Amino acid sequence: MGEDRATSSTACEDGAAATPARVPLLKLVRYFLRLGTLGFGGPVALCGLMERELVGEKGWLTRAEMRDAIAVSQSMPGPLAIQVGIFAAYMRGGFWGAWAGGWAFILPNFLIVAALGALYVHFGGLAWMTAVFYGVSPVVIALILHSCWRLSKLGMEHWLQWAIAVVAFLITVVFKAEVALVFIGAGLVGLLYYGTPFRGARSPAPLSGLAPPVAGSLAQHVAAPSLLGKLLLFFLKAGSLTFGSGLVIVPFLEKGIVQEAGWLSPRDFLIAVAIGMMSPGPVVITATFVGFLVAGFFGSLVSTIGIFLPSFIFVLIVAPILMRHRGDPNVQGFIRGTYGAAIGTILGACVLLGRIAIGDVLTAVIAIAALGLLFRFKVSNPVLIAAAAVIGLVAYPLIRPHWVMVR
């Protein structure tokens, strides 16, 4: 472990010591390839893992630098874990280190999910696949609800945030309104209430947890260029409007992909979300699976580029500006307002998707049992999804003996 340390001197407890030295590009790539392959648990777990390894074990970052990377990444659109990884690579490897480290972080997950997409396209018409996802779909709802609860504990600190959450929930369920507008409106309410326009220069109380996770038939193997272009533009938009937790992208994608474009059925979309949650890396890798289902391998490629490219742009261009202004009370007020909207939107998406995933007594029991296990024993996502798949394989032919394909 000693040979990995890049510090020019020993960091003191508050991270005020000399800045660690530049890390060779190959070491950055190797580290982020491993993190992208083995990093399960969502943005909070991935950021914690990076802090333990990059600060405590390798000494590539000081504590202060890691805190800055997380704080600034919370204030920008894009999946939090990827943002922090790109930022860390930028601090130790410069511009090219950010590009190499960031795409190394993404590459293993892209290959895994694209392969799963190919298998699903090839075997998706078989009854056993229907049985598997009969059991898995209600677990996805439980996973989203549990993650939403964790997010609410991290950042829901005030009655106004809960009021915003209720409004966002109702809009999502009743009107299915454009997610971006909900978040912009919530952010402005937060800015006006917590910021300085009507309150002088007093700063709001600091946030105790992560900043908001704001916004949010199978294809042929060869897609038309126009379809690839539409996928790229859609996911560029999604990557530019999704803050913090990738779960907020779920209602955004459901509206655009299922309701508006009609690229996927609701059932296929639920499967895509399940794949994103059970694979390593960020949940927004769902975009890779969606892209494969819509337009084959090149669809998965352009969708992945689209969802992650804004993160690189924000880190390399916007992050230095935010480093100077992230303590501004108006910026913090906007963030607090959008946090409430994020919680409400995720819950609204659970209602919409739950109507598809939970259609009988058994799926309701699976969802409730999964939620209980998550709260009581903190079971890992892949283990829970695998168990639900086995239940589906056993129970589905007994419940629906003719194995009618649901599409």
Protein backbone atom coordinates (compact mmCIF):
# COMPACT_ATOMS: atom_id res chain seq x y z
CA MET A 1 0.00 0.00 0.00
CA GLY A 2 2.94 2.31 0.69
CA GLU A 3 3.92 2.45 -2.99
CA ASP A 4 0.48 3.81 -3.86
CA ARG A 5 0.76 6.84 -1.64
CA ALA A 6 1.30 10.00 -3.63
CA THR A 7 1.59 12.55 -0.84
CA SER A 8 4.57 14.83 -0.74
CA SER A 9 4.14 15.04 3.05
CA THR A 10 1.94 13.45 5.67
CA ALA A 11 -1.53 14.95 5.67
CA CYS A 12 -2.70 16.38 8.94
CA GLU A 13 -6.11 15.58 10.37
CA ASP A 14 -7.97 18.43 8.69
CA GLY A 15 -6.30 17.86 5.35
CA ALA A 16 -4.34 21.11 5.47
CA ALA A 17 -0.97 19.56 4.62
CA ALA A 18 0.83 19.74 1.32
CA THR A 19 -1.18 18.70 -1.71
CA PRO A 20 -0.48 15.12 -2.85
CA ALA A 21 1.65 14.75 -5.95
CA ARG A 22 0.37 13.97 -9.44
CA VAL A 23 -0.67 10.33 -9.93
CA PRO A 24 0.43 8.49 -13.11
CA LEU A 25 -2.35 8.05 -15.67
CA LEU A 26 -2.03 4.26 -15.69
CA LYS A 27 -2.56 4.06 -11.92
CA LEU A 28 -5.66 6.23 -12.17
CA VAL A 29 -7.08 4.02 -14.93
CA ARG A 30 -6.34 0.81 -13.01
CA TYR A 31 -8.00 2.11 -9.86
CA PHE A 32 -11.17 3.31 -11.56
CA LEU A 33 -11.46 0.15 -13.65
CA ARG A 34 -11.47 -1.85 -10.41
CA LEU A 35 -13.93 0.54 -8.74
CA GLY A 36 -16.28 0.35 -11.72
CA THR A 37 -16.16 -3.45 -11.64
CA LEU A 38 -16.62 -4.01 -7.90
CA GLY A 39 -18.37 -0.86 -6.69
CA PHE A 40 -21.88 -1.82 -5.55
CA GLY A 41 -24.24 0.04 -3.26
CA GLY A 42 -25.20 3.31 -4.95
CA PRO A 43 -23.74 6.83 -4.75
CA VAL A 44 -23.41 7.06 -0.96
CA ALA A 45 -21.56 3.74 -0.73
CA LEU A 46 -19.31 4.51 -3.71
CA CYS A 47 -18.35 7.93 -2.35
CA GLY A 48 -17.57 6.36 1.02
CA LEU A 49 -15.42 3.73 -0.68
CA MET A 50 -13.49 6.38 -2.63
CA GLU A 51 -12.91 8.41 0.53
CA ARG A 52 -11.57 5.38 2.39
CA GLU A 53 -9.29 4.27 -0.43
CA LEU A 54 -8.14 7.53 -1.99
CA VAL A 55 -7.62 9.38 1.31
CA GLY A 56 -6.94 6.69 3.90
CA GLU A 57 -5.19 3.97 1.91
CA LYS A 58 -3.56 5.46 -1.17
CA GLY A 59 -3.10 9.03 0.06
CA TRP A 60 -3.96 10.42 -3.37
CA LEU A 61 -6.28 13.06 -1.89
CA THR A 62 -6.34 14.99 1.36
CA ARG A 63 -9.49 14.95 3.46
CA ALA A 64 -10.17 18.55 2.52
CA GLU A 65 -9.88 17.77 -1.19
CA MET A 66 -12.27 14.83 -0.86
CA ARG A 67 -14.80 16.98 1.00
CA ASP A 68 -14.54 19.61 -1.73
CA ALA A 69 -15.00 17.00 -4.47
CA ILE A 70 -18.19 15.68 -2.85
CA ALA A 71 -19.60 19.11 -1.98
CA VAL A 72 -19.06 20.56 -5.44
CA SER A 73 -20.33 17.43 -7.20
CA GLN A 74 -23.54 17.62 -5.15
CA SER A 75 -24.17 21.08 -6.59
CA MET A 76 -23.94 20.03 -10.25
CA PRO A 77 -26.17 17.93 -12.51
CA GLY A 78 -24.98 14.38 -13.06
CA PRO A 79 -24.68 11.15 -11.04
CA LEU A 80 -22.87 11.92 -7.79
CA ALA A 81 -20.43 8.98 -7.69
CA ILE A 82 -19.26 9.54 -11.27
CA GLN A 83 -18.88 13.27 -10.63
CA VAL A 84 -16.72 12.65 -7.57
CA GLY A 85 -14.61 10.09 -9.44
CA ILE A 86 -14.00 12.47 -12.35
CA PHE A 87 -13.20 15.29 -9.94
CA ALA A 88 -10.72 13.13 -8.00
CA ALA A 89 -9.04 12.04 -11.24
CA TYR A 90 -8.89 15.67 -12.37
CA MET A 91 -7.21 16.81 -9.14
CA ARG A 92 -4.48 14.15 -9.41
CA GLY A 93 -4.26 13.66 -13.18
CA GLY A 94 -5.34 16.94 -14.75
CA PHE A 95 -7.57 17.21 -17.82
CA TRP A 96 -6.55 13.89 -19.38
CA GLY A 97 -6.60 12.17 -16.02
CA ALA A 98 -10.24 13.20 -15.64
CA TRP A 99 -11.16 11.80 -19.06
CA ALA A 100 -9.20 8.57 -18.63
CA GLY A 101 -10.24 7.95 -15.02
CA GLY A 102 -13.88 8.84 -15.62
CA TRP A 103 -14.37 6.57 -18.62
CA ALA A 104 -12.42 3.80 -16.87
CA PHE A 105 -14.97 4.09 -14.04
CA ILE A 106 -17.82 3.74 -16.53
CA LEU A 107 -16.37 1.10 -18.90
CA PRO A 108 -16.80 -2.10 -16.80
CA ASN A 109 -20.42 -1.28 -16.01
CA PHE A 110 -21.10 -0.44 -19.67
CA LEU A 111 -19.77 -3.81 -20.82
CA ILE A 112 -21.72 -5.72 -18.15
CA VAL A 113 -25.02 -3.97 -18.84
CA ALA A 114 -24.63 -4.07 -22.63
CA ALA A 115 -24.04 -7.84 -22.38
CA LEU A 116 -27.15 -8.19 -20.23
CA GLY A 117 -29.06 -6.19 -22.81
CA ALA A 118 -27.90 -8.54 -25.57
CA LEU A 119 -29.00 -11.56 -23.52
CA TYR A 120 -32.37 -9.97 -22.84
CA VAL A 121 -32.93 -9.16 -26.50
CA HIS A 122 -31.96 -12.72 -27.45
CA PHE A 123 -33.94 -14.52 -24.74
CA GLY A 124 -36.58 -11.92 -23.94
CA GLY A 125 -39.33 -13.78 -25.73
CA LEU A 126 -38.87 -16.92 -23.63
CA ALA A 127 -41.30 -17.65 -20.85
CA TRP A 128 -38.61 -18.15 -18.22
CA MET A 129 -37.50 -14.53 -18.68
CA THR A 130 -41.06 -13.42 -17.97
CA ALA A 131 -41.04 -15.57 -14.83
CA VAL A 132 -37.74 -14.08 -13.63
CA PHE A 133 -38.91 -10.52 -13.95
CA TYR A 134 -42.31 -11.35 -12.47
CA GLY A 135 -40.41 -11.89 -9.23
CA VAL A 136 -37.84 -9.12 -9.71
CA SER A 137 -40.15 -6.21 -10.61
CA PRO A 138 -41.76 -5.81 -7.16
CA VAL A 139 -38.30 -5.93 -5.56
CA VAL A 140 -37.30 -2.95 -7.72
CA ILE A 141 -40.15 -0.96 -6.16
CA ALA A 142 -38.94 -1.95 -2.68
CA LEU A 143 -35.36 -0.95 -3.52
CA ILE A 144 -36.46 2.46 -4.78
CA LEU A 145 -38.61 3.07 -1.68
CA HIS A 146 -35.78 2.06 0.65
CA SER A 147 -33.29 4.29 -1.14
CA CYS A 148 -35.79 7.16 -1.00
CA TRP A 149 -36.08 6.69 2.77
CA ARG A 150 -32.28 6.84 3.11
CA LEU A 151 -32.16 10.01 1.02
CA SER A 152 -34.88 11.63 3.13
CA LYS A 153 -32.85 10.96 6.29
CA LEU A 154 -29.82 12.61 4.72
CA GLY A 155 -31.36 15.88 3.64
CA MET A 156 -35.02 16.47 4.61
CA GLU A 157 -34.55 18.93 7.48
CA HIS A 158 -37.41 21.40 7.30
CA TRP A 159 -41.19 21.47 6.91
CA LEU A 160 -40.96 23.40 3.62
CA GLN A 161 -38.95 20.59 2.04
CA TRP A 162 -41.68 18.11 3.00
CA ALA A 163 -44.35 20.44 1.61
CA ILE A 164 -42.42 20.65 -1.67
CA ALA A 165 -42.13 16.84 -1.66
CA VAL A 166 -45.92 16.46 -1.36
CA VAL A 167 -46.53 18.86 -4.25
CA ALA A 168 -43.92 17.11 -6.44
CA PHE A 169 -45.46 13.73 -5.57
CA LEU A 170 -48.96 14.85 -6.58
CA ILE A 171 -47.74 16.44 -9.82
CA THR A 172 -45.82 13.30 -10.76
CA VAL A 173 -48.75 10.97 -10.05
CA VAL A 174 -51.68 13.05 -11.27
CA PHE A 175 -50.31 15.22 -14.05
CA LYS A 176 -47.10 13.40 -15.08
CA ALA A 177 -45.59 16.84 -15.63
CA GLU A 178 -42.11 17.52 -17.02
CA VAL A 179 -39.73 16.74 -14.17
CA ALA A 180 -37.31 19.55 -14.98
CA LEU A 181 -40.02 22.18 -14.45
CA VAL A 182 -40.96 20.69 -11.09
CA PHE A 183 -37.36 20.89 -9.91
CA ILE A 184 -36.77 24.39 -11.23
CA GLY A 185 -39.90 25.60 -9.44
CA ALA A 186 -38.91 23.84 -6.22
CA GLY A 187 -35.43 25.29 -6.43
CA LEU A 188 -36.78 28.83 -6.82
CA VAL A 189 -39.06 28.36 -3.81
CA GLY A 190 -36.07 27.16 -1.79
CA LEU A 191 -33.95 30.07 -3.00
CA LEU A 192 -36.60 32.61 -1.96
CA TYR A 193 -37.24 31.04 1.45
CA TYR A 194 -33.75 29.95 2.51
CA GLY A 195 -31.70 32.43 0.49
CA THR A 196 -31.05 36.14 0.83
CA PRO A 197 -33.62 37.94 -1.41
CA PHE A 198 -36.00 38.57 1.51
CA ARG A 199 -33.82 37.58 4.47
CA GLY A 200 -30.67 39.68 4.18
CA ALA A 201 -27.32 37.96 4.05
CA ARG A 202 -27.94 35.35 6.76
CA SER A 203 -26.83 31.90 5.60
CA PRO A 204 -29.15 28.93 6.09
CA ALA A 205 -28.20 26.07 8.35
CA PRO A 206 -25.76 23.73 6.57
CA LEU A 207 -27.13 20.62 4.96
CA SER A 208 -26.49 17.54 7.06
CA GLY A 209 -26.29 15.11 4.18
CA LEU A 210 -25.96 14.83 0.46
CA ALA A 211 -27.28 17.54 -1.81
CA PRO A 212 -30.30 16.80 -3.96
CA PRO A 213 -30.63 14.09 -6.44
CA VAL A 214 -32.39 16.52 -8.79
CA ALA A 215 -33.47 16.40 -12.25
CA GLY A 216 -36.10 13.69 -12.98
CA SER A 217 -41.28 -3.47 -28.98
CA LEU A 218 -37.47 -4.41 -28.72
CA ALA A 219 -35.25 -2.81 -31.31
CA GLN A 220 -33.49 -4.32 -34.25
CA HIS A 221 -29.72 -4.78 -33.94
CA VAL A 222 -29.00 -2.09 -36.55
CA ALA A 223 -30.61 1.26 -35.81
CA ALA A 224 -31.27 4.16 -38.15
CA PRO A 225 -28.97 7.16 -37.62
CA SER A 226 -31.99 9.30 -36.81
CA LEU A 227 -32.95 6.99 -33.94
CA LEU A 228 -29.39 7.05 -32.60
CA GLY A 229 -29.45 10.83 -32.77
CA LYS A 230 -32.71 10.96 -30.83
CA LEU A 231 -31.30 8.63 -28.17
CA LEU A 232 -28.15 10.74 -27.85
CA LEU A 233 -30.09 13.99 -27.49
CA PHE A 234 -32.53 12.48 -24.99
CA PHE A 235 -29.81 11.13 -22.73
CA LEU A 236 -27.73 14.30 -23.00
CA LYS A 237 -30.80 16.10 -21.65
CA ALA A 238 -31.25 13.49 -18.92
CA GLY A 239 -27.59 13.71 -17.90
CA SER A 240 -27.87 17.49 -17.69
CA LEU A 241 -30.96 17.49 -15.44
CA THR A 242 -30.25 14.70 -12.95
CA PHE A 243 -28.53 15.73 -9.72
CA GLY A 244 -27.11 13.46 -7.02
CA SER A 245 -28.80 10.06 -6.86
CA GLY A 246 -29.46 8.25 -10.12
CA LEU A 247 -32.87 7.23 -8.78
CA VAL A 248 -34.25 10.63 -9.73
CA ILE A 249 -33.66 9.73 -13.34
CA VAL A 250 -36.32 7.00 -13.09
CA PRO A 251 -39.40 9.26 -13.44
CA PHE A 252 -37.61 11.37 -16.05
CA LEU A 253 -36.78 8.33 -18.18
CA GLU A 254 -40.18 6.73 -17.64
CA LYS A 255 -41.92 9.81 -18.97
CA GLY A 256 -39.65 10.26 -21.99
CA ILE A 257 -39.05 6.63 -22.97
CA VAL A 258 -42.37 5.00 -22.11
CA GLN A 259 -45.02 7.71 -22.20
CA GLU A 260 -43.74 10.07 -24.89
CA ALA A 261 -41.46 8.19 -27.30
CA GLY A 262 -42.98 4.74 -26.74
CA TRP A 263 -39.56 3.13 -27.18
CA LEU A 264 -40.16 0.61 -24.38
CA SER A 265 -43.15 -0.99 -22.73
CA PRO A 266 -43.63 -0.27 -19.01
CA ARG A 267 -42.52 -3.85 -18.22
CA ASP A 268 -39.30 -3.53 -20.23
CA PHE A 269 -38.58 -0.22 -18.52
CA LEU A 270 -38.92 -1.82 -15.08
CA ILE A 271 -36.45 -4.48 -16.15
CA ALA A 272 -34.01 -1.78 -17.25
CA VAL A 273 -34.27 -0.15 -13.83
CA ALA A 274 -33.67 -3.52 -12.15
CA ILE A 275 -30.52 -4.06 -14.22
CA GLY A 276 -29.24 -0.61 -13.28
CA MET A 277 -29.79 -1.28 -9.57
CA MET A 278 -28.24 -4.75 -9.48
CA SER A 279 -25.10 -3.94 -11.50
CA PRO A 280 -21.99 -2.19 -10.11
CA GLY A 281 -21.51 1.52 -10.61
CA PRO A 282 -24.17 4.24 -10.83
CA VAL A 283 -27.90 3.52 -11.27
CA VAL A 284 -27.98 5.74 -14.36
CA ILE A 285 -26.24 2.91 -16.24
CA THR A 286 -29.89 2.00 -16.85
CA ALA A 287 -29.39 4.19 -19.92
CA THR A 288 -27.06 1.56 -21.44
CA PHE A 289 -29.69 -1.16 -21.12
CA VAL A 290 -32.43 1.10 -22.48
CA GLY A 291 -30.25 2.04 -25.43
CA PHE A 292 -29.58 -1.61 -26.28
CA LEU A 293 -33.27 -2.48 -26.17
CA VAL A 294 -34.15 0.47 -28.38
CA ALA A 295 -31.33 0.38 -30.93
CA GLY A 296 -28.91 -2.48 -30.28
CA PHE A 297 -25.22 -2.07 -29.39
CA PHE A 298 -24.82 1.36 -30.99
CA GLY A 299 -27.94 2.46 -29.16
CA SER A 300 -26.33 1.41 -25.87
CA LEU A 301 -23.12 3.23 -26.82
CA VAL A 302 -24.71 6.58 -27.69
CA SER A 303 -27.04 6.38 -24.67
CA THR A 304 -24.08 5.80 -22.35
CA ILE A 305 -22.12 8.67 -23.88
CA GLY A 306 -25.17 10.91 -23.65
CA ILE A 307 -25.92 10.23 -19.99
CA PHE A 308 -22.33 10.65 -18.79
CA LEU A 309 -20.84 13.30 -21.11
CA PRO A 310 -22.45 16.23 -19.23
CA SER A 311 -20.68 15.06 -16.06
CA PHE A 312 -17.28 15.53 -17.67
CA ILE A 313 -18.25 18.95 -18.99
CA PHE A 314 -19.60 20.12 -15.64
CA VAL A 315 -16.57 18.90 -13.68
CA LEU A 316 -14.03 20.39 -16.06
CA ILE A 317 -15.81 23.71 -16.68
CA VAL A 318 -18.40 24.41 -13.98
CA ALA A 319 -16.70 22.87 -10.93
CA PRO A 320 -13.98 25.55 -10.63
CA ILE A 321 -16.70 28.22 -10.58
CA LEU A 322 -18.80 26.38 -8.00
CA MET A 323 -15.74 25.92 -5.81
CA ARG A 324 -15.83 29.70 -5.33
CA HIS A 325 -19.61 30.06 -4.81
CA ARG A 326 -20.91 26.81 -3.28
CA GLY A 327 -21.25 28.46 0.16
CA ASP A 328 -23.58 31.14 -1.17
CA PRO A 329 -26.92 31.01 0.72
CA ASN A 330 -28.90 31.37 -2.49
CA VAL A 331 -27.16 28.35 -4.04
CA GLN A 332 -27.78 26.38 -0.85
CA GLY A 333 -31.42 27.49 -0.78
CA PHE A 334 -31.96 26.30 -4.35
CA ILE A 335 -30.41 22.95 -3.41
CA ARG A 336 -32.64 22.51 -0.36
CA GLY A 337 -35.77 23.20 -2.38
CA THR A 338 -34.84 20.72 -5.09
CA TYR A 339 -34.06 18.06 -2.49
CA GLY A 340 -37.70 18.04 -1.42
CA ALA A 341 -38.81 17.80 -5.05
CA ALA A 342 -36.48 14.84 -5.55
CA ILE A 343 -38.05 12.88 -2.69
CA GLY A 344 -41.58 13.58 -3.91
CA THR A 345 -40.76 12.70 -7.50
CA ILE A 346 -39.14 9.38 -6.57
CA LEU A 347 -42.21 8.45 -4.50
CA GLY A 348 -44.48 9.44 -7.39
CA ALA A 349 -42.47 7.25 -9.74
CA CYS A 350 -42.90 4.36 -7.29
CA VAL A 351 -46.67 4.72 -7.55
CA LEU A 352 -46.63 4.77 -11.35
CA LEU A 353 -44.22 1.86 -11.65
CA GLY A 354 -45.84 -0.04 -8.80
CA ARG A 355 -49.08 -0.30 -10.79
CA ILE A 356 -47.13 -2.35 -13.32
CA ALA A 357 -44.89 -4.34 -10.99
CA ILE A 358 -47.46 -5.29 -8.35
CA GLY A 359 -50.47 -6.91 -9.94
CA ASP A 360 -51.50 -9.72 -7.58
CA VAL A 361 -51.17 -10.96 -4.02
CA LEU A 362 -47.79 -12.67 -4.52
CA THR A 363 -46.07 -9.65 -6.05
CA ALA A 364 -47.44 -7.51 -3.20
CA VAL A 365 -46.04 -10.00 -0.67
CA ILE A 366 -42.66 -10.01 -2.46
CA ALA A 367 -42.50 -6.20 -2.37
CA ILE A 368 -43.41 -6.01 1.34
CA ALA A 369 -41.00 -8.81 2.28
CA ALA A 370 -38.16 -7.20 0.30
CA LEU A 371 -38.78 -3.86 1.99
CA GLY A 372 -38.75 -5.56 5.40
CA LEU A 373 -35.46 -7.31 4.64
CA LEU A 374 -33.87 -4.07 3.46
CA PHE A 375 -34.81 -2.25 6.65
CA ARG A 376 -34.05 -5.11 9.03
CA PHE A 377 -30.98 -6.82 7.58
CA LYS A 378 -29.60 -4.42 4.90
CA VAL A 379 -29.46 -7.15 2.27
CA SER A 380 -27.40 -6.27 -0.82
CA ASN A 381 -29.24 -5.44 -4.03
CA PRO A 382 -27.83 -8.31 -6.16
CA VAL A 383 -28.64 -10.92 -3.50
CA LEU A 384 -32.20 -9.66 -3.08
CA ILE A 385 -32.81 -9.52 -6.82
CA ALA A 386 -31.37 -13.01 -7.32
CA ALA A 387 -33.67 -14.43 -4.63
CA ALA A 388 -36.68 -12.72 -6.22
CA ALA A 389 -35.72 -14.17 -9.61
CA VAL A 390 -35.75 -17.69 -8.13
CA ILE A 391 -39.16 -17.06 -6.56
CA GLY A 392 -40.45 -15.89 -9.93
CA LEU A 393 -39.12 -18.98 -11.71
CA VAL A 394 -40.82 -21.27 -9.19
CA ALA A 395 -44.09 -19.41 -8.66
CA TYR A 396 -44.92 -17.96 -12.07
CA PRO A 397 -45.73 -21.27 -13.85
CA LEU A 398 -47.99 -22.23 -10.92
CA ILE A 399 -49.86 -18.94 -10.96
CA ARG A 400 -50.04 -18.62 -14.75
CA PRO A 401 -49.78 -22.15 -16.10
CA HIS A 402 -50.01 -21.05 -19.73
CA TRP A 403 -47.01 -18.67 -19.29
CA VAL A 404 -48.53 -15.90 -21.32
CA MET A 405 -45.91 -13.29 -22.18
CA VAL A 406 -46.72 -9.87 -20.71
CA ARG A 407 -45.65 -6.98 -22.91
